[in-house]
Amino acid sequence: MKTKLAPPSLHRPSLLLWLLYTIRLRQFTAQVKARLYERLAERTRIARELHDTLLQSFQGLLLLFQRARNLLPERLAEAIQLWTQRWMERSRRL
């Protein structure tokens, strides 16, 4: 939202000060916006990275649970061993 400042009367020193103030205000606003967009981009990148990493980890765990569940009725000991080995490997990576 831009606020328009009315220029002062035609006295030269006042007009010059008003112009300098307006220019500096625009520069400052541009700097603040640039920093804000940089922070927003970095936060978005971090959030996306965390989301992708967690999603991939959960998908891997779901596949592991599915495989262990399929082994349970026939080979219980093997399923438990498989599950514990993989769980430990994944927990070390995270």
C-alpha atoms as a PDB file:
ATOM      1  CA  MET A   1       0.000   0.000   0.000  1.00  0.00           C
ATOM      2  CA  LYS A   2       1.652   3.187  -1.160  1.00  0.00           C
ATOM      3  CA  THR A   3       1.154   6.383   0.694  1.00  0.00           C
ATOM      4  CA  LYS A   4       1.526   9.466  -1.394  1.00  0.00           C
ATOM      5  CA  LEU A   5       3.205  12.351   0.300  1.00  0.00           C
ATOM      6  CA  ALA A   6       2.209  15.772  -0.848  1.00  0.00           C
ATOM      7  CA  PRO A   7       5.215  17.873  -1.805  1.00  0.00           C
ATOM      8  CA  PRO A   8       5.785  20.965   0.278  1.00  0.00           C
ATOM      9  CA  SER A   9       5.378  24.375  -1.134  1.00  0.00           C
ATOM     10  CA  LEU A  10       7.818  25.567  -3.736  1.00  0.00           C
ATOM     11  CA  HIS A  11      10.508  26.656  -1.273  1.00  0.00           C
ATOM     12  CA  ARG A  12      13.656  25.072  -2.640  1.00  0.00           C
ATOM     13  CA  PRO A  13      15.207  23.731   0.602  1.00  0.00           C
ATOM     14  CA  SER A  14      11.929  22.148   1.690  1.00  0.00           C
ATOM     15  CA  LEU A  15      11.342  20.629  -1.736  1.00  0.00           C
ATOM     16  CA  LEU A  16      14.852  19.201  -1.837  1.00  0.00           C
ATOM     17  CA  LEU A  17      14.475  17.681   1.636  1.00  0.00           C
ATOM     18  CA  TRP A  18      11.131  16.194   0.678  1.00  0.00           C
ATOM     19  CA  LEU A  19      12.612  14.655  -2.494  1.00  0.00           C
ATOM     20  CA  LEU A  20      15.562  13.195  -0.575  1.00  0.00           C
ATOM     21  CA  TYR A  21      13.243  11.787   2.072  1.00  0.00           C
ATOM     22  CA  THR A  22      10.991  10.202  -0.556  1.00  0.00           C
ATOM     23  CA  ILE A  23      13.939   8.636  -2.376  1.00  0.00           C
ATOM     24  CA  ARG A  24      15.416   7.263   0.853  1.00  0.00           C
ATOM     25  CA  LEU A  25      12.042   5.894   1.930  1.00  0.00           C
ATOM     26  CA  ARG A  26      11.675   4.029  -1.359  1.00  0.00           C
ATOM     27  CA  GLN A  27      15.201   2.626  -1.071  1.00  0.00           C
ATOM     28  CA  PHE A  28      14.569   1.455   2.461  1.00  0.00           C
ATOM     29  CA  THR A  29      11.258  -0.137   1.484  1.00  0.00           C
ATOM     30  CA  ALA A  30      12.943  -1.985  -1.385  1.00  0.00           C
ATOM     31  CA  GLN A  31      15.669  -3.273   0.962  1.00  0.00           C
ATOM     32  CA  VAL A  32      13.134  -4.515   3.508  1.00  0.00           C
ATOM     33  CA  LYS A  33      11.102  -6.251   0.791  1.00  0.00           C
ATOM     34  CA  ALA A  34      14.235  -7.894  -0.619  1.00  0.00           C
ATOM     35  CA  ARG A  35      15.199  -9.269   2.815  1.00  0.00           C
ATOM     36  CA  LEU A  36      11.661 -10.473   3.391  1.00  0.00           C
ATOM     37  CA  TYR A  37      11.575 -12.337   0.073  1.00  0.00           C
ATOM     38  CA  GLU A  38      15.000 -13.893   0.802  1.00  0.00           C
ATOM     39  CA  ARG A  39      13.781 -15.181   4.161  1.00  0.00           C
ATOM     40  CA  LEU A  40      10.571 -16.477   2.660  1.00  0.00           C
ATOM     41  CA  ALA A  41      12.465 -18.323  -0.084  1.00  0.00           C
ATOM     42  CA  GLU A  42      14.826 -19.899   2.454  1.00  0.00           C
ATOM     43  CA  ARG A  43      11.982 -20.977   4.728  1.00  0.00           C
ATOM     44  CA  THR A  44      10.133 -22.465   1.775  1.00  0.00           C
ATOM     45  CA  ARG A  45      13.249 -24.372   0.700  1.00  0.00           C
ATOM     46  CA  ILE A  46      13.793 -25.762   4.205  1.00  0.00           C
ATOM     47  CA  ALA A  47      10.143 -26.748   4.563  1.00  0.00           C
ATOM     48  CA  ARG A  48      10.167 -28.495   1.193  1.00  0.00           C
ATOM     49  CA  GLU A  49      13.380 -30.334   2.047  1.00  0.00           C
ATOM     50  CA  LEU A  50      12.033 -31.485   5.418  1.00  0.00           C
ATOM     51  CA  HIS A  51       8.757 -32.554   3.859  1.00  0.00           C
ATOM     52  CA  ASP A  52      10.478 -34.571   1.134  1.00  0.00           C
ATOM     53  CA  THR A  53      12.868 -36.237   3.578  1.00  0.00           C
ATOM     54  CA  LEU A  54      10.147 -37.185   6.031  1.00  0.00           C
ATOM     55  CA  LEU A  55       7.833 -38.390   3.291  1.00  0.00           C
ATOM     56  CA  GLN A  56      10.538 -40.607   1.847  1.00  0.00           C
ATOM     57  CA  SER A  57      11.345 -42.030   5.287  1.00  0.00           C
ATOM     58  CA  PHE A  58       7.706 -42.796   6.029  1.00  0.00           C
ATOM     59  CA  GLN A  59       7.237 -44.459   2.651  1.00  0.00           C
ATOM     60  CA  GLY A  60      10.264 -46.655   3.326  1.00  0.00           C
ATOM     61  CA  LEU A  61       8.916 -47.609   6.735  1.00  0.00           C
ATOM     62  CA  LEU A  62       5.530 -48.460   5.261  1.00  0.00           C
ATOM     63  CA  LEU A  63       7.161 -50.793   2.746  1.00  0.00           C
ATOM     64  CA  LEU A  64       9.167 -52.371   5.544  1.00  0.00           C
ATOM     65  CA  PHE A  65       6.044 -52.908   7.643  1.00  0.00           C
ATOM     66  CA  GLN A  66       4.260 -54.427   4.652  1.00  0.00           C
ATOM     67  CA  ARG A  67       7.100 -56.852   4.023  1.00  0.00           C
ATOM     68  CA  ALA A  68       7.323 -57.818   7.704  1.00  0.00           C
ATOM     69  CA  ARG A  69       3.550 -58.291   7.856  1.00  0.00           C
ATOM     70  CA  ASN A  70       3.682 -60.564   4.830  1.00  0.00           C
ATOM     71  CA  LEU A  71       6.398 -62.674   6.498  1.00  0.00           C
ATOM     72  CA  LEU A  72       4.739 -62.882   9.926  1.00  0.00           C
ATOM     73  CA  PRO A  73       2.437 -65.864   9.455  1.00  0.00           C
ATOM     74  CA  GLU A  74       5.101 -68.120   7.936  1.00  0.00           C
ATOM     75  CA  ARG A  75       8.481 -66.907   9.218  1.00  0.00           C
ATOM     76  CA  LEU A  76       8.021 -64.941  12.419  1.00  0.00           C
ATOM     77  CA  ALA A  77      11.677 -64.928  13.514  1.00  0.00           C
ATOM     78  CA  GLU A  78      12.884 -63.719  10.119  1.00  0.00           C
ATOM     79  CA  ALA A  79      10.262 -60.962  10.051  1.00  0.00           C
ATOM     80  CA  ILE A  80      11.264 -59.695  13.493  1.00  0.00           C
ATOM     81  CA  GLN A  81      14.957 -59.751  12.580  1.00  0.00           C
ATOM     82  CA  LEU A  82      14.331 -57.955   9.286  1.00  0.00           C
ATOM     83  CA  TRP A  83      12.219 -55.331  10.949  1.00  0.00           C
ATOM     84  CA  THR A  84      14.701 -54.631  13.765  1.00  0.00           C
ATOM     85  CA  GLN A  85      17.697 -54.444  11.394  1.00  0.00           C
ATOM     86  CA  ARG A  86      16.014 -52.026   9.036  1.00  0.00           C
ATOM     87  CA  TRP A  87      14.572 -49.937  11.861  1.00  0.00           C
ATOM     88  CA  MET A  88      18.038 -49.503  13.365  1.00  0.00           C
ATOM     89  CA  GLU A  89      19.544 -48.584   9.991  1.00  0.00           C
ATOM     90  CA  ARG A  90      16.902 -45.956   9.339  1.00  0.00           C
ATOM     91  CA  SER A  91      17.079 -44.483  12.806  1.00  0.00           C
ATOM     92  CA  ARG A  92      20.842 -44.017  12.442  1.00  0.00           C
ATOM     93  CA  ARG A  93      20.350 -42.118   9.172  1.00  0.00           C
ATOM     94  CA  LEU A  94      17.822 -39.729  10.678  1.00  0.00           C
END
